[in-house]
Protein backbone atom coordinates (compact mmCIF):
# COMPACT_ATOMS: atom_id res chain seq x y z
CA UNK A 1 -0.06 0.23 0.18
CA UNK A 2 1.22 3.67 -1.23
CA UNK A 3 0.22 6.73 0.68
CA UNK A 4 -1.12 8.44 -1.97
CA UNK A 5 -0.81 12.40 -2.01
CA UNK A 6 -4.09 13.97 -3.28
CA UNK A 7 -4.83 17.58 -5.21
CA UNK A 8 -8.26 18.52 -5.70
CA UNK A 9 -9.40 20.97 -8.07
CA UNK A 10 -12.85 22.77 -7.71
CA UNK A 11 -14.67 21.11 -5.05
CA UNK A 12 -11.77 21.64 -2.40
CA UNK A 13 -12.41 17.99 -0.36
CA UNK A 14 -10.12 16.56 2.29
CA UNK A 15 -9.06 13.31 1.98
CA UNK A 16 -6.90 12.36 4.54
CA UNK A 17 -6.60 8.48 5.51
CA UNK A 18 -4.10 5.99 6.46
CA UNK A 19 -3.68 5.60 2.54
CA UNK A 20 -3.80 9.12 1.34
CA UNK A 21 -3.23 12.96 2.35
CA UNK A 22 -4.36 15.93 0.37
CA UNK A 23 -1.65 18.10 -0.24
CA UNK A 24 -2.63 20.77 -2.75
CA UNK A 25 -6.00 22.74 -3.91
CA UNK A 26 -6.71 24.47 -7.18
CA UNK A 27 -9.36 27.06 -8.07
CA UNK A 28 -9.35 30.07 -10.11
CA UNK A 29 -11.09 32.28 -7.37
CA UNK A 30 -8.15 34.13 -6.23
CA UNK A 31 -9.86 35.33 -3.01
CA UNK A 32 -11.04 32.01 -1.99
CA UNK A 33 -7.42 30.20 -2.45
CA UNK A 34 -6.37 33.19 -0.37
CA UNK A 35 -8.88 32.55 2.74
CA UNK A 36 -8.43 28.66 2.19
CA UNK A 37 -4.29 29.32 2.53
CA UNK A 38 -5.14 30.93 6.20
CA UNK A 39 -7.32 28.17 7.27
CA UNK A 40 -5.61 25.21 6.06
CA UNK A 41 -1.73 26.16 5.69
CA UNK A 42 -0.99 22.58 5.63
CA UNK A 43 -2.28 22.53 1.82
CA UNK A 44 -0.46 24.15 -1.25
CA UNK A 45 -2.77 26.37 -2.80
CA UNK A 46 -3.09 27.00 -6.59
CA UNK A 47 -4.89 29.20 -9.15
CA UNK A 48 -3.56 27.63 -12.13
CA UNK A 49 -3.89 24.06 -12.50
CA UNK A 50 -1.03 24.38 -14.65
CA UNK A 51 1.55 25.12 -11.93
CA UNK A 52 -0.19 21.99 -9.80
CA UNK A 53 0.81 19.55 -12.40
CA UNK A 54 4.62 20.54 -10.87
CA UNK A 55 3.24 19.74 -7.08
CA UNK A 56 6.10 17.55 -5.93
CA UNK A 57 5.13 13.94 -5.35
CA UNK A 58 1.68 14.44 -6.60
CA UNK A 59 0.13 10.69 -7.26
CA UNK A 60 -3.72 11.99 -8.09
CA UNK A 61 -5.70 14.61 -9.07
CA UNK A 62 -10.04 14.93 -8.26
CA UNK A 63 -11.21 17.17 -10.89
CA UNK A 64 -14.49 18.64 -9.84
CA UNK A 65 -14.71 21.63 -12.60
CA UNK A 66 -17.38 22.79 -15.57
CA UNK A 67 -17.58 20.17 -18.37
CA UNK A 68 -15.98 21.89 -21.17
CA UNK A 69 -12.45 22.02 -19.17
CA UNK A 70 -12.65 18.43 -18.28
CA UNK A 71 -10.42 16.68 -21.08
CA UNK A 72 -8.06 19.42 -20.88
CA UNK A 73 -7.26 19.06 -17.26
CA UNK A 74 -7.86 15.15 -17.24
CA UNK A 75 -5.44 14.30 -20.25
CA UNK A 76 -2.98 17.07 -18.97
CA UNK A 77 -2.59 15.32 -15.61
CA UNK A 78 -2.66 11.73 -16.99
CA UNK A 79 0.08 12.67 -19.47
CA UNK A 80 2.21 13.67 -16.53
CA UNK A 81 1.90 10.16 -14.99
CA UNK A 82 -0.97 11.55 -12.25
CA UNK A 83 -4.36 9.13 -11.54
CA UNK A 84 -7.42 11.04 -11.99
CA UNK A 85 -11.02 11.06 -10.72
CA UNK A 86 -13.46 13.13 -12.46
CA UNK A 87 -16.72 14.16 -12.67
CA UNK A 88 -19.04 12.88 -15.40
CA UNK A 89 -18.76 13.84 -18.40
CA UNK A 90 -15.33 13.02 -20.02
CA UNK A 91 -15.96 16.04 -22.18
CA UNK A 92 -18.43 17.77 -24.03
CA UNK A 93 -18.68 15.69 -27.16
CA UNK A 94 -17.25 12.35 -28.73
CA UNK A 95 -13.48 13.65 -29.91
CA UNK A 96 -12.85 14.57 -26.00
CA UNK A 97 -13.98 11.34 -24.52
CA UNK A 98 -12.02 9.23 -27.30
CA UNK A 99 -8.84 11.58 -26.30
CA UNK A 100 -9.39 11.31 -22.70
CA UNK A 101 -9.74 7.34 -22.69
CA UNK A 102 -6.60 6.90 -25.09
CA UNK A 103 -4.42 9.37 -22.87
CA UNK A 104 -5.73 6.69 -19.79
CA UNK A 105 -4.29 3.84 -21.80
CA UNK A 106 -1.30 5.60 -22.70
CA UNK A 107 -0.21 6.75 -19.33
CA UNK A 108 -0.82 3.37 -17.44
CA UNK A 109 -2.31 5.56 -14.78
CA UNK A 110 -6.00 4.85 -13.27
CA UNK A 111 -8.90 6.75 -14.66
CA UNK A 112 -12.55 6.65 -13.24
CA UNK A 113 -15.43 8.99 -13.87
CA UNK A 114 -17.75 9.50 -11.12
CA UNK A 115 -20.67 7.64 -11.88
CA UNK A 116 -22.05 7.31 -8.12
CA UNK A 117 -24.85 5.53 -8.61
CA UNK A 118 -22.90 2.50 -9.39
CA UNK A 119 -21.40 2.67 -6.23
CA UNK A 120 -24.69 3.80 -4.00
CA UNK A 121 -26.61 1.54 -1.81
CA UNK A 122 -29.72 1.23 -4.17
CA UNK A 123 -27.21 -0.24 -7.21
CA UNK A 124 -25.05 -2.53 -5.10
CA UNK A 125 -28.20 -4.08 -3.77
CA UNK A 126 -30.33 -4.43 -6.54
CA UNK A 127 -27.19 -5.82 -8.89
CA UNK A 128 -27.20 -8.46 -6.24
CA UNK A 129 -30.79 -8.85 -6.37
CA UNK A 130 -30.56 -9.57 -10.45
CA UNK A 131 -27.63 -11.93 -10.05
CA UNK A 132 -29.79 -13.90 -7.77
CA UNK A 133 -32.05 -14.33 -10.42
CA UNK A 134 -34.86 -14.49 -7.67
CA UNK A 135 -37.51 -13.22 -9.42
CA UNK A 136 -36.19 -14.72 -12.94
CA UNK A 137 -34.73 -12.58 -16.15
CA UNK A 138 -34.73 -9.10 -16.57
CA UNK A 139 -36.42 -7.89 -19.24
CA UNK A 140 -37.39 -3.93 -18.99
CA UNK A 141 -36.03 -0.88 -17.30
CA UNK A 142 -37.80 2.02 -16.79
CA UNK A 143 -36.36 5.65 -15.38
CA UNK A 144 -38.61 8.63 -14.78
CA UNK A 145 -37.14 11.67 -13.20
CA UNK A 146 -38.90 14.79 -13.15
CA UNK A 147 -37.11 17.87 -11.60
CA UNK A 148 -36.45 21.54 -11.83
CA UNK A 149 -34.87 23.86 -14.17
CA UNK A 150 -31.35 25.12 -14.13
CA UNK A 151 -31.55 29.05 -13.86
CA UNK A 152 -30.17 31.58 -16.20
CA UNK A 153 -27.50 32.52 -13.54
CA UNK A 154 -24.51 31.22 -12.06
CA UNK A 155 -23.25 27.91 -13.33
CA UNK A 156 -26.85 27.56 -15.03
CA UNK A 157 -26.12 29.45 -17.69
CA UNK A 158 -23.39 27.05 -18.42
CA UNK A 159 -25.33 24.01 -17.80
CA UNK A 160 -27.79 24.88 -20.96
CA UNK A 161 -25.26 25.53 -23.44
CA UNK A 162 -24.40 22.37 -25.63
CA UNK A 163 -21.01 23.89 -26.52
CA UNK A 164 -20.21 23.99 -22.83
CA UNK A 165 -21.84 21.31 -21.26
CA UNK A 166 -22.12 18.76 -24.27
CA UNK A 167 -25.97 18.82 -24.12
CA UNK A 168 -28.89 17.45 -21.90
CA UNK A 169 -27.65 13.81 -22.24
CA UNK A 170 -23.76 14.71 -20.54
CA UNK A 171 -25.11 17.06 -18.13
CA UNK A 172 -28.04 14.20 -16.71
CA UNK A 173 -29.49 11.08 -18.27
CA UNK A 174 -25.78 10.00 -18.53
CA UNK A 175 -25.79 8.52 -15.12
CA UNK A 176 -29.12 6.81 -16.02
CA UNK A 177 -27.68 5.16 -19.20
CA UNK A 178 -24.57 3.95 -16.86
CA UNK A 179 -26.48 2.23 -14.09
CA UNK A 180 -28.73 0.42 -17.12
CA UNK A 181 -25.72 -0.61 -18.59
CA UNK A 182 -24.59 -2.02 -14.97
CA UNK A 183 -27.71 -3.91 -14.43
CA UNK A 184 -28.65 -4.82 -18.20
CA UNK A 185 -25.51 -5.50 -20.13
CA UNK A 186 -24.55 -4.02 -23.24
CA UNK A 187 -26.64 -1.51 -25.43
CA UNK A 188 -26.60 -2.19 -29.11
CA UNK A 189 -29.26 1.26 -30.25
CA UNK A 190 -31.29 4.17 -29.10
CA UNK A 191 -34.18 5.91 -30.05
CA UNK A 192 -34.97 9.69 -29.03
CA UNK A 193 -38.39 11.98 -29.22
CA UNK A 194 -38.55 14.86 -27.51
CA UNK A 195 -41.35 17.56 -27.09
CA UNK A 196 -41.43 20.88 -27.50
CA UNK A 197 -39.11 23.32 -25.24
CA UNK A 198 -40.86 25.72 -23.02
CA UNK A 199 -38.10 26.78 -21.08
CA UNK A 200 -36.78 29.79 -22.89
CA UNK A 201 -33.00 29.70 -21.32
CA UNK A 202 -32.40 26.21 -22.76
CA UNK A 203 -30.40 25.87 -25.56
CA UNK A 204 -31.06 22.38 -25.84
CA UNK A 205 -34.27 20.22 -25.05
CA UNK A 206 -35.72 20.78 -21.78
CA UNK A 207 -37.09 17.40 -21.86
CA UNK A 208 -36.65 13.75 -23.79
CA UNK A 209 -37.50 10.57 -23.96
CA UNK A 210 -35.39 7.41 -25.14
CA UNK A 211 -35.84 3.92 -25.91
CA UNK A 212 -32.60 1.55 -25.19
CA UNK A 213 -32.08 -2.09 -27.11
CA UNK A 214 -30.12 -4.38 -25.40
CA UNK A 215 -28.12 -7.18 -26.95
CA UNK A 216 -29.81 -9.59 -24.88
CA UNK A 217 -33.32 -8.20 -25.93
CA UNK A 218 -34.14 -6.39 -22.85
CA UNK A 219 -35.70 -2.64 -23.43
CA UNK A 220 -34.93 0.20 -21.42
CA UNK A 221 -36.92 3.74 -21.13
CA UNK A 222 -35.21 6.70 -19.72
CA UNK A 223 -37.82 9.97 -19.44
CA UNK A 224 -36.32 13.20 -18.01
CA UNK A 225 -37.95 16.32 -17.87
CA UNK A 226 -36.87 19.60 -16.37
CA UNK A 227 -40.67 21.37 -16.16
CA UNK A 228 -42.30 19.85 -12.87
CA UNK A 229 -40.39 20.56 -9.60
CA UNK A 230 -40.80 23.83 -8.16
CA UNK A 231 -37.96 25.73 -6.63
CA UNK A 232 -37.89 25.20 -3.05
CA UNK A 233 -35.26 27.36 -0.92
CA UNK A 234 -33.56 28.24 -3.96
CA UNK A 235 -32.63 24.81 -5.10
CA UNK A 236 -34.02 22.35 -7.94
CA UNK A 237 -33.89 19.59 -5.23
CA UNK A 238 -37.71 19.93 -4.25
CA UNK A 239 -39.78 16.94 -2.73
CA UNK A 240 -42.45 14.53 -3.97
CA UNK A 241 -44.82 17.34 -2.81
CA UNK A 242 -43.72 19.91 -5.20
CA UNK A 243 -42.97 17.93 -8.36
CA UNK A 244 -39.58 16.10 -7.98
CA UNK A 245 -39.93 12.32 -8.45
CA UNK A 246 -37.20 10.32 -9.38
CA UNK A 247 -37.77 6.36 -9.92
CA UNK A 248 -36.83 3.16 -11.56
CA UNK A 249 -39.07 0.16 -12.46
CA UNK A 250 -37.39 -3.10 -13.24
CA UNK A 251 -39.38 -5.86 -14.72
CA UNK A 252 -38.50 -9.65 -14.46
CA UNK A 253 -40.25 -12.59 -15.78
CA UNK A 254 -41.19 -13.41 -12.24
CA UNK A 255 -41.71 -9.88 -10.54
CA UNK A 256 -40.76 -6.69 -10.61
CA UNK A 257 -38.62 -3.49 -8.53
CA UNK A 258 -39.97 -0.16 -7.89
CA UNK A 259 -36.91 1.78 -6.69
CA UNK A 260 -37.75 5.35 -5.36
CA UNK A 261 -34.46 7.42 -5.36
CA UNK A 262 -36.16 10.26 -3.38
CA UNK A 263 -37.89 8.49 -0.46
CA UNK A 264 -35.00 5.93 -0.52
CA UNK A 265 -37.20 2.87 -0.46
CA UNK A 266 -37.53 -0.95 -3.08
CA UNK A 267 -40.64 -2.22 -3.65
CA UNK A 268 -40.72 -5.79 -4.62
CA UNK A 269 -43.61 -7.52 -6.28
CA UNK A 270 -43.81 -11.01 -7.50
CA UNK A 271 -45.87 -12.64 -10.13
CA UNK A 272 -48.00 -15.65 -9.31
CA UNK A 273 -49.89 -18.13 -11.25
CA UNK A 274 -53.90 -17.03 -11.29
CA UNK A 275 -56.06 -18.53 -11.47
CA UNK A 276 -54.08 -21.75 -10.67
CA UNK A 277 -53.59 -23.87 -13.62
CA UNK A 278 -54.20 -21.23 -16.01
CA UNK A 279 -50.76 -20.33 -16.78
CA UNK A 280 -51.51 -16.26 -16.32
CA UNK A 281 -50.30 -14.31 -13.53
CA UNK A 282 -51.36 -11.76 -11.11
CA UNK A 283 -48.87 -9.30 -9.32
CA UNK A 284 -48.40 -9.87 -5.71
CA UNK A 285 -46.59 -7.15 -3.17
CA UNK A 286 -43.81 -9.04 -1.84
CA UNK A 287 -42.02 -6.47 0.79
CA UNK A 288 -40.31 -3.10 0.56
CA UNK A 289 -37.11 -2.33 1.78
CA UNK A 290 -36.60 1.19 3.52
CA UNK A 291 -33.05 2.90 3.19
CA UNK A 292 -34.24 6.42 4.35
CA UNK A 293 -32.51 6.33 7.87
CA UNK A 294 -29.32 6.03 5.52
CA UNK A 295 -30.30 9.27 3.62
CA UNK A 296 -30.30 10.06 0.35
CA UNK A 297 -26.90 10.40 -0.60
CA UNK A 298 -25.69 6.87 0.71
CA UNK A 299 -28.74 5.46 -1.00
CA UNK A 300 -28.48 6.91 -4.44
CA UNK A 301 -25.95 9.75 -4.83
CA UNK A 302 -23.36 8.64 -3.16
CA UNK A 303 -20.23 10.97 -4.36
CA UNK A 304 -18.07 11.19 -1.90
CA UNK A 305 -17.97 7.50 -1.29
CA UNK A 306 -17.39 6.60 -4.81
CA UNK A 307 -14.43 8.96 -4.59
CA UNK A 308 -12.82 7.62 -1.70
CA UNK A 309 -13.35 3.98 -2.90
CA UNK A 310 -11.13 5.06 -6.00
CA UNK A 311 -8.63 6.15 -4.00
CA UNK A 312 -8.15 3.35 -1.93
CA UNK A 313 -8.33 1.21 -4.75
CA UNK A 314 -5.36 3.00 -6.46
CA UNK A 315 -3.52 3.06 -3.14
CA UNK A 316 -4.06 -0.76 -2.78
CA UNK A 317 -3.26 -1.36 -6.61
CA UNK A 318 -6.78 -2.99 -7.24
CA UNK A 319 -8.78 -1.84 -10.57
CA UNK A 320 -11.51 0.90 -9.87
CA UNK A 321 -15.20 -0.47 -9.38
CA UNK A 322 -15.80 1.32 -12.97
CA UNK A 323 -12.69 1.32 -15.40
CA UNK A 324 -12.13 4.20 -18.02
CA UNK A 325 -13.05 1.85 -20.91
CA UNK A 326 -16.49 1.12 -19.33
CA UNK A 327 -17.22 4.95 -18.69
CA UNK A 328 -16.33 5.31 -22.17
CA UNK A 329 -19.00 2.92 -23.40
CA UNK A 330 -21.77 4.76 -21.55
CA UNK A 331 -20.77 8.12 -23.12
CA UNK A 332 -21.27 6.43 -26.48
CA UNK A 333 -24.67 5.60 -25.62
CA UNK A 334 -25.17 9.01 -24.87
CA UNK A 335 -23.62 10.17 -28.21
CA UNK A 336 -26.10 7.79 -30.27
CA UNK A 337 -28.81 9.05 -27.89
CA UNK A 338 -28.44 12.90 -28.80
CA UNK A 339 -27.54 11.71 -32.69
CA UNK A 340 -31.38 10.11 -32.60
CA UNK A 341 -32.57 13.16 -30.79
CA UNK A 342 -30.99 15.63 -34.12
CA UNK A 343 -31.73 13.32 -36.95
CA UNK A 344 -35.47 13.23 -36.78
CA UNK A 345 -36.04 10.49 -33.80
CA UNK A 346 -34.62 7.60 -35.75
CA UNK A 347 -33.04 4.73 -34.46
CA UNK A 348 -29.15 4.80 -34.03
CA UNK A 349 -26.89 2.18 -33.59
CA UNK A 350 -24.31 2.42 -30.67
CA UNK A 351 -20.69 2.95 -32.12
CA UNK A 352 -18.24 0.96 -29.65
CA UNK A 353 -15.48 1.57 -32.38
CA UNK A 354 -12.67 2.28 -29.99
CA UNK A 355 -10.15 5.28 -30.80
CA UNK A 356 -7.46 4.85 -32.83
CA UNK A 357 -4.13 4.64 -31.00
CA UNK A 358 -1.49 7.07 -32.07
């Protein structure tokens, strides 16, 4: 085990364990960094990531910056021989995600993208249940998310511009795509539709619905809309009562699950022959597992947990929970979903052709 020296860009966390130590922070806000220097004299402060690249003995960087600089920064650190953990997406288009994957493979260092749904409690519990085959074979998945809008202020401005964020899929549903692949295997094609926009600040679609066709014959559906969750205390993360819902349903040959990512519950319904001898089914309540005491972040949004898991795995020379290649594949599905939307809602094959090596 090697005790890693960690640097953070953007979100300035402190990762101090027996296997790691935070030694550097970077943010372009000079006043913020001056204040941090006073409060954290043990950490070296930078306002330019290029200077942080030169920090003596730096082993890893955690990057939490706007989407349009992800590729530039991650590739620079990979080329400098540093391990990288970065918020999704890998970039704002296919070219940038290809370049980041190539840089990781050339560097021999580990790269992981923050698809924290995989690490969260509901995903690990659900994957365990799928693998148990207790309800038989997984045949359909649905993910429905109604949420509030990004505002025409602060970082909401760049989020609604495809040239800076990468578009709706790279901003948000990419998480659902990744968890679909984690549960259901490879996706071969996708078809996306969208209704007319009603939010004028959005320079791309404020809603969309996609169908995902899996290699094993299963079907997945993602519906996302930014127009039905009221602002509460200056937050888009409202409650069920004000329109925020995020629910996933998995249908098997012998039952179904409903995962409520806001209430932090998993509902299990099983199929039973009824009337007996007819071969027909009825749906019966089985049980509800309640994870609300653990809180929303542990259940479905454990960013810190996934980051710490990655750091520990690198320290102990283990593969990350999700490899860079696996994350890259989820990006390619999103590229196909956006392409379908832009090309009159046609069904598009996912292109998993790996980037050419130099």
